[in-house]
Amino acid sequence: MMVVLSGLLAASLAIGLPVGSAYADEPTDGTGAGTSATEVLDSLEVKGRAPKTGYKRTQFGKAWADVDHNGCDTRNDILNRDLTGVRHKWRTHNCVVKSGKLHDPYTGKDIKFKKGKKTSTAVQIDHVVALSDAWQKGAQKLSEERRTALANDPYNLLAVQGRANQKKSDGDAATWLPSNKGFRCEYVARQIGVKHKYSLWVTQAEKEAMAKVLSSCPTQTVPDYTGVKDSTAEKTTESEQTEQTQTEQSAEQAQQTQQTTQAPAPEPAPAPAPAPQPAPQQDVYYQNCTAARAAGAAPIYQGQPGYRSQLDRDHGGVACE
């Protein structure tokens, strides 16, 4: 037996493989994918939460940067990945998602997404390991390039229900878990994979909460894929997309024709000068997106403190993207 093992070890060294590769293949993405989630959790360092001092959203690079240089920002990359029946905004090279449907992993509900000032916030992109949480558990020691990668890593991003994302905020597993109990094991396992990949630690309370979830699914492994597995989900084909776009254009042209042929309505009497409107009741005001990013608040979703339509360039319900 010793002769066989010695032969394998010698062969590994001879061809330049690391010791041990003759026995098993190991994940190369740093997540621990395919390994028992409990085992990877036990390998994470356990420390107290560091102060939030110095945290800004800009510490993790430009929000939704096109880090893979595919011509589409990260937010729309994730919407394209996680939504079904996707329709795109015209002339955006199948990038900007106009509508679609999300099967939300956090609540288990189906949500219709429609891009718009008042509708885009129904579906938001969540950092599975929140950036603020990451900052307090080791990310402040990472390079800016590495932090930017963390913020835009598809492995750490999911399209989810907006309300659920708001409730989660920057909580860890000790303070928030998805209401969809059937997704909790995969959710916790993915958090473990992200923390392993980026050398982040967990608090004792967080580790105990994760271990409690995993005790109900002892065979759960760290996910080896991005997004959520759903073999029944089907994306709209390119031909269907083209047909849908042509149909929408025809409908818009018909509506415009109908409007131009209608008799003009009588001009209304001059309206009195509008009374001054009270300032919006919100706790935070940002003069511009630069100020919002400097405060670590960007992107700002409609309904959140600091959101103003003047900061929302495409009126999609998300300011300072």
Protein backbone atom coordinates (compact mmCIF):
# COMPACT_ATOMS: atom_id res chain seq x y z
CA MET A 1 0.00 0.00 0.00
CA MET A 2 2.82 2.38 0.93
CA VAL A 3 4.48 1.68 -2.42
CA VAL A 4 1.30 2.71 -4.27
CA LEU A 5 0.93 5.91 -2.28
CA SER A 6 4.57 6.78 -2.77
CA GLY A 7 4.19 6.21 -6.50
CA LEU A 8 1.18 8.53 -6.70
CA LEU A 9 2.98 11.22 -4.71
CA ALA A 10 6.07 10.99 -6.93
CA ALA A 11 3.91 11.19 -10.06
CA SER A 12 2.15 14.30 -8.75
CA LEU A 13 5.42 16.08 -8.04
CA ALA A 14 6.88 15.03 -11.39
CA ILE A 15 4.11 16.72 -13.41
CA GLY A 16 3.86 19.80 -11.19
CA LEU A 17 0.58 19.02 -9.43
CA PRO A 18 0.15 20.05 -5.80
CA VAL A 19 0.39 17.27 -3.25
CA GLY A 20 -3.05 15.74 -2.76
CA SER A 21 -4.32 16.36 -6.29
CA ALA A 22 -3.71 12.72 -7.11
CA TYR A 23 -6.46 11.80 -4.68
CA ALA A 24 -9.23 14.34 -5.21
CA ASP A 25 -10.17 17.38 -7.25
CA GLU A 26 -10.62 20.55 -5.21
CA PRO A 27 -12.74 23.61 -6.08
CA THR A 28 -10.71 26.33 -7.74
CA ASP A 29 -13.06 29.31 -7.25
CA GLY A 30 -12.35 29.64 -3.54
CA THR A 31 -15.93 29.05 -2.42
CA GLY A 32 -15.49 25.48 -1.27
CA ALA A 33 -18.19 24.50 -3.77
CA GLY A 34 -19.36 20.91 -3.56
CA THR A 35 -17.97 20.51 -0.04
CA SER A 36 -20.16 20.03 3.02
CA ALA A 37 -21.44 23.47 4.06
CA THR A 38 -20.94 22.51 7.70
CA GLU A 39 -17.31 21.64 7.09
CA VAL A 40 -16.63 24.91 5.26
CA LEU A 41 -18.43 26.82 8.04
CA ASP A 42 -16.12 25.19 10.61
CA SER A 43 -13.13 26.38 8.58
CA LEU A 44 -14.16 30.06 8.81
CA GLU A 45 -12.53 32.26 11.42
CA VAL A 46 -14.79 33.28 14.31
CA LYS A 47 -14.32 36.83 15.56
CA GLY A 48 -16.32 39.75 16.89
CA ARG A 49 -17.87 42.29 14.53
CA ALA A 50 -15.45 45.13 13.77
CA PRO A 51 -16.63 48.78 13.93
CA LYS A 52 -18.39 50.14 10.88
CA THR A 53 -15.99 53.10 10.89
CA GLY A 54 -14.93 54.10 7.40
CA TYR A 55 -17.63 52.15 5.57
CA LYS A 56 -18.91 53.72 2.37
CA ARG A 57 -20.56 52.10 -0.63
CA THR A 58 -17.79 53.56 -2.74
CA GLN A 59 -15.28 51.40 -0.85
CA PHE A 60 -16.67 48.58 -3.01
CA GLY A 61 -16.28 50.43 -6.30
CA LYS A 62 -18.86 52.01 -8.57
CA ALA A 63 -22.33 50.59 -7.97
CA TRP A 64 -23.21 47.88 -10.51
CA ALA A 65 -20.00 48.29 -12.47
CA ASP A 66 -19.60 46.30 -15.68
CA VAL A 67 -16.73 44.26 -14.23
CA ASP A 68 -17.00 41.48 -16.83
CA HIS A 69 -16.90 44.05 -19.69
CA ASN A 70 -19.85 42.51 -21.53
CA GLY A 71 -21.43 45.91 -22.19
CA CYS A 72 -24.16 45.42 -19.58
CA ASP A 73 -24.13 46.61 -15.96
CA THR A 74 -24.23 44.06 -13.14
CA ARG A 75 -27.80 44.89 -12.08
CA ASN A 76 -29.20 44.05 -15.51
CA ASP A 77 -26.92 41.01 -15.79
CA ILE A 78 -28.59 39.57 -12.69
CA LEU A 79 -32.10 40.50 -13.83
CA ASN A 80 -31.40 38.75 -17.14
CA ARG A 81 -30.14 35.69 -15.27
CA ASP A 82 -32.87 35.36 -12.63
CA LEU A 83 -36.04 36.51 -14.41
CA THR A 84 -38.05 34.49 -16.92
CA GLY A 85 -40.06 35.80 -19.88
CA VAL A 86 -37.61 38.68 -20.12
CA ARG A 87 -38.28 41.59 -22.45
CA HIS A 88 -35.61 44.19 -23.10
CA LYS A 89 -35.65 47.92 -23.62
CA TRP A 90 -35.35 48.72 -27.30
CA ARG A 91 -31.83 49.31 -28.63
CA THR A 92 -29.97 48.21 -25.50
CA HIS A 93 -28.45 45.10 -27.11
CA ASN A 94 -30.63 42.83 -24.96
CA CYS A 95 -29.22 44.36 -21.78
CA VAL A 96 -31.72 46.62 -20.01
CA VAL A 97 -34.60 44.50 -18.74
CA LYS A 98 -37.99 46.07 -19.42
CA SER A 99 -40.17 43.35 -17.89
CA GLY A 100 -40.18 39.75 -16.76
CA LYS A 101 -41.21 37.46 -13.93
CA LEU A 102 -39.26 36.48 -10.84
CA HIS A 103 -39.81 33.41 -8.70
CA ASP A 104 -38.51 35.02 -5.52
CA PRO A 105 -36.30 32.65 -3.51
CA TYR A 106 -36.72 34.66 -0.30
CA THR A 107 -40.53 34.49 -0.14
CA GLY A 108 -41.39 31.75 -2.65
CA LYS A 109 -43.75 34.17 -4.44
CA ASP A 110 -43.93 34.98 -8.15
CA ILE A 111 -43.42 38.67 -8.86
CA LYS A 112 -44.05 40.54 -12.10
CA PHE A 113 -41.28 43.00 -12.86
CA LYS A 114 -41.84 46.11 -14.94
CA LYS A 115 -39.19 48.77 -15.28
CA GLY A 116 -40.52 52.13 -14.23
CA LYS A 117 -40.31 54.93 -11.69
CA LYS A 118 -42.88 53.35 -9.39
CA THR A 119 -42.47 49.68 -10.30
CA SER A 120 -38.76 48.82 -10.53
CA THR A 121 -38.38 48.51 -6.77
CA ALA A 122 -40.66 45.44 -6.71
CA VAL A 123 -37.55 43.43 -7.65
CA GLN A 124 -34.17 44.38 -6.20
CA ILE A 125 -30.68 42.88 -6.37
CA ASP A 126 -29.52 41.62 -3.00
CA HIS A 127 -25.95 41.03 -1.85
CA VAL A 128 -26.28 37.63 -0.17
CA VAL A 129 -23.48 38.73 2.14
CA ALA A 130 -24.31 42.40 2.66
CA LEU A 131 -21.49 44.81 1.90
CA SER A 132 -21.73 46.50 5.29
CA ASP A 133 -21.59 43.10 6.99
CA ALA A 134 -18.60 42.15 4.84
CA TRP A 135 -16.85 45.43 5.74
CA GLN A 136 -17.15 44.64 9.45
CA LYS A 137 -15.92 41.07 8.99
CA GLY A 138 -12.74 41.40 7.02
CA ALA A 139 -13.48 43.23 3.74
CA GLN A 140 -11.87 46.43 4.99
CA LYS A 141 -8.57 44.54 4.79
CA LEU A 142 -9.14 43.62 1.14
CA SER A 143 -7.88 45.69 -1.78
CA GLU A 144 -10.38 47.97 -3.53
CA GLU A 145 -10.17 45.71 -6.59
CA ARG A 146 -11.08 42.69 -4.47
CA ARG A 147 -13.94 44.56 -2.77
CA THR A 148 -15.28 45.63 -6.19
CA ALA A 149 -15.20 41.99 -7.26
CA LEU A 150 -17.16 41.02 -4.13
CA ALA A 151 -19.82 43.68 -4.78
CA ASN A 152 -20.34 42.53 -8.37
CA ASP A 153 -19.77 38.78 -8.02
CA PRO A 154 -22.81 36.94 -9.46
CA TYR A 155 -22.20 34.27 -6.80
CA ASN A 156 -23.07 36.89 -4.16
CA LEU A 157 -26.05 38.41 -5.98
CA LEU A 158 -29.70 37.39 -6.26
CA ALA A 159 -32.77 39.12 -7.69
CA VAL A 160 -35.33 39.13 -4.88
CA GLN A 161 -38.54 40.74 -3.69
CA GLY A 162 -37.89 44.40 -2.86
CA ARG A 163 -39.69 44.30 0.50
CA ALA A 164 -37.72 41.25 1.62
CA ASN A 165 -34.48 42.96 0.64
CA GLN A 166 -35.45 46.04 2.64
CA LYS A 167 -36.22 43.92 5.72
CA LYS A 168 -32.91 42.11 5.47
CA SER A 169 -30.94 45.36 5.15
CA ASP A 170 -27.34 44.49 6.15
CA GLY A 171 -28.27 41.66 8.52
CA ASP A 172 -26.39 38.39 8.80
CA ALA A 173 -27.84 34.92 9.45
CA ALA A 174 -28.12 35.67 13.17
CA THR A 175 -30.52 38.57 12.54
CA TRP A 176 -32.37 37.66 9.32
CA LEU A 177 -33.31 34.57 7.34
CA PRO A 178 -35.64 34.21 4.31
CA SER A 179 -39.30 33.61 5.19
CA ASN A 180 -39.20 30.81 2.60
CA LYS A 181 -37.90 28.08 4.91
CA GLY A 182 -37.26 25.79 1.95
CA PHE A 183 -34.52 28.14 0.75
CA ARG A 184 -32.75 28.72 4.05
CA CYS A 185 -30.25 25.88 3.70
CA GLU A 186 -29.12 27.03 0.26
CA TYR A 187 -29.08 30.67 1.41
CA VAL A 188 -26.85 29.96 4.41
CA ALA A 189 -24.61 27.66 2.34
CA ARG A 190 -24.10 30.42 -0.23
CA GLN A 191 -23.21 32.94 2.49
CA ILE A 192 -20.63 30.45 3.75
CA GLY A 193 -19.23 30.07 0.22
CA VAL A 194 -18.95 33.84 -0.24
CA LYS A 195 -17.21 34.30 3.10
CA HIS A 196 -14.81 31.48 2.33
CA LYS A 197 -14.02 32.91 -1.11
CA TYR A 198 -13.25 36.40 0.20
CA SER A 199 -11.63 35.38 3.52
CA LEU A 200 -14.35 36.93 5.66
CA TRP A 201 -15.06 35.80 9.19
CA VAL A 202 -18.28 35.05 11.10
CA THR A 203 -19.35 36.05 14.59
CA GLN A 204 -20.13 33.36 17.15
CA ALA A 205 -23.86 34.19 17.00
CA GLU A 206 -23.79 34.03 13.21
CA LYS A 207 -22.03 30.68 13.19
CA GLU A 208 -24.54 29.24 15.66
CA ALA A 209 -27.46 30.48 13.54
CA MET A 210 -25.93 28.95 10.40
CA ALA A 211 -25.23 25.66 12.14
CA LYS A 212 -28.83 25.51 13.39
CA VAL A 213 -30.16 25.92 9.84
CA LEU A 214 -27.75 23.34 8.44
CA SER A 215 -28.71 20.82 11.15
CA SER A 216 -31.99 20.37 9.25
CA CYS A 217 -30.11 19.58 6.00
CA PRO A 218 -26.87 17.78 6.96
CA THR A 219 -26.09 16.87 3.33
CA GLN A 220 -26.21 20.50 2.14
CA THR A 221 -23.10 21.46 0.18
CA VAL A 222 -21.75 24.86 -0.75
CA PRO A 223 -23.43 25.79 -4.09
CA ASP A 224 -21.28 25.41 -7.19
CA TYR A 225 -23.46 27.66 -9.36
CA THR A 226 -24.66 31.25 -9.46
CA GLY A 227 -28.30 32.18 -9.02
CA VAL A 228 -30.94 29.70 -7.88
CA LYS A 229 -31.35 26.28 -9.45
CA ASP A 230 -34.69 25.99 -11.21
CA SER A 231 -34.79 23.50 -14.05
CA THR A 232 -38.34 24.52 -14.95
CA ALA A 233 -37.42 28.14 -15.67
CA GLU A 234 -37.19 28.96 -19.37
CA LYS A 235 -35.73 32.13 -20.78
CA THR A 236 -37.34 33.93 -23.69
CA THR A 237 -35.55 33.01 -26.93
CA GLU A 238 -34.02 35.66 -29.17
CA SER A 239 -36.69 35.11 -31.85
CA GLU A 240 -39.44 35.52 -29.25
CA GLN A 241 -37.74 38.67 -27.99
CA THR A 242 -37.68 40.13 -31.52
CA GLU A 243 -41.33 39.24 -32.08
CA GLN A 244 -42.32 40.80 -28.76
CA THR A 245 -40.42 43.99 -29.55
CA GLN A 246 -42.02 44.30 -33.00
CA THR A 247 -45.47 43.76 -31.48
CA GLU A 248 -44.85 46.46 -28.89
CA GLN A 249 -43.60 48.90 -31.53
CA SER A 250 -46.69 48.28 -33.69
CA ALA A 251 -48.95 48.86 -30.69
CA GLU A 252 -47.17 52.10 -29.82
CA GLN A 253 -47.42 53.36 -33.41
CA ALA A 254 -51.13 52.52 -33.55
CA GLN A 255 -51.72 54.37 -30.31
CA GLN A 256 -49.85 57.42 -31.57
CA THR A 257 -51.89 57.40 -34.81
CA GLN A 258 -55.13 57.17 -32.87
CA GLN A 259 -54.13 60.07 -30.67
CA THR A 260 -53.26 62.32 -33.63
CA THR A 261 -56.60 61.63 -35.39
CA GLN A 262 -58.75 62.46 -32.37
CA ALA A 263 -60.41 65.86 -32.29
CA PRO A 264 -58.38 68.30 -30.21
CA ALA A 265 -59.85 68.99 -26.83
CA PRO A 266 -60.74 72.60 -25.94
CA GLU A 267 -57.89 74.46 -24.32
CA PRO A 268 -58.36 74.74 -20.57
CA ALA A 269 -58.47 78.11 -18.85
CA PRO A 270 -55.13 79.30 -17.50
CA ALA A 271 -54.49 77.64 -14.19
CA PRO A 272 -53.58 79.74 -11.18
CA ALA A 273 -49.99 79.77 -10.11
CA PRO A 274 -49.32 76.62 -8.10
CA ALA A 275 -48.85 77.03 -4.39
CA PRO A 276 -45.38 76.26 -3.09
CA GLN A 277 -45.07 72.57 -2.35
CA PRO A 278 -43.68 71.50 1.01
CA ALA A 279 -40.30 69.84 0.97
CA PRO A 280 -40.40 66.02 0.87
CA GLN A 281 -40.55 64.47 4.28
CA GLN A 282 -37.39 62.44 4.32
CA ASP A 283 -34.56 62.06 6.76
CA VAL A 284 -31.73 62.40 4.26
CA TYR A 285 -31.02 64.76 1.37
CA TYR A 286 -28.26 64.25 -1.17
CA GLN A 287 -27.43 67.14 -3.47
CA ASN A 288 -26.24 64.75 -6.18
CA CYS A 289 -25.21 61.15 -6.78
CA THR A 290 -21.61 61.94 -5.89
CA ALA A 291 -22.75 62.96 -2.42
CA ALA A 292 -24.96 59.85 -2.15
CA ARG A 293 -22.10 57.54 -3.12
CA ALA A 294 -19.73 59.31 -0.73
CA ALA A 295 -22.21 58.57 2.06
CA GLY A 296 -22.37 54.90 1.03
CA ALA A 297 -26.08 55.18 0.21
CA ALA A 298 -26.07 54.44 -3.55
CA PRO A 299 -27.97 52.90 -5.19
CA ILE A 300 -31.09 54.49 -3.61
CA TYR A 301 -34.40 52.73 -4.27
CA GLN A 302 -37.65 54.65 -4.47
CA GLY A 303 -39.14 54.94 -0.99
CA GLN A 304 -35.76 54.92 0.73
CA PRO A 305 -34.47 58.04 2.53
CA GLY A 306 -32.61 60.29 0.12
CA TYR A 307 -34.39 59.12 -3.06
CA ARG A 308 -35.32 61.95 -5.44
CA SER A 309 -36.54 61.69 -8.99
CA GLN A 310 -33.84 64.17 -10.02
CA LEU A 311 -31.23 61.56 -9.10
CA ASP A 312 -33.04 58.82 -11.05
CA ARG A 313 -31.82 59.46 -14.58
CA ASP A 314 -33.82 56.74 -16.35
CA HIS A 315 -36.81 57.01 -14.01
CA GLY A 316 -36.51 53.32 -13.27
CA GLY A 317 -37.15 53.64 -9.54
CA VAL A 318 -33.44 53.35 -8.68
CA ALA A 319 -31.37 56.50 -8.18
CA CYS A 320 -27.59 56.73 -8.51
CA GLU A 321 -27.20 53.27 -10.05
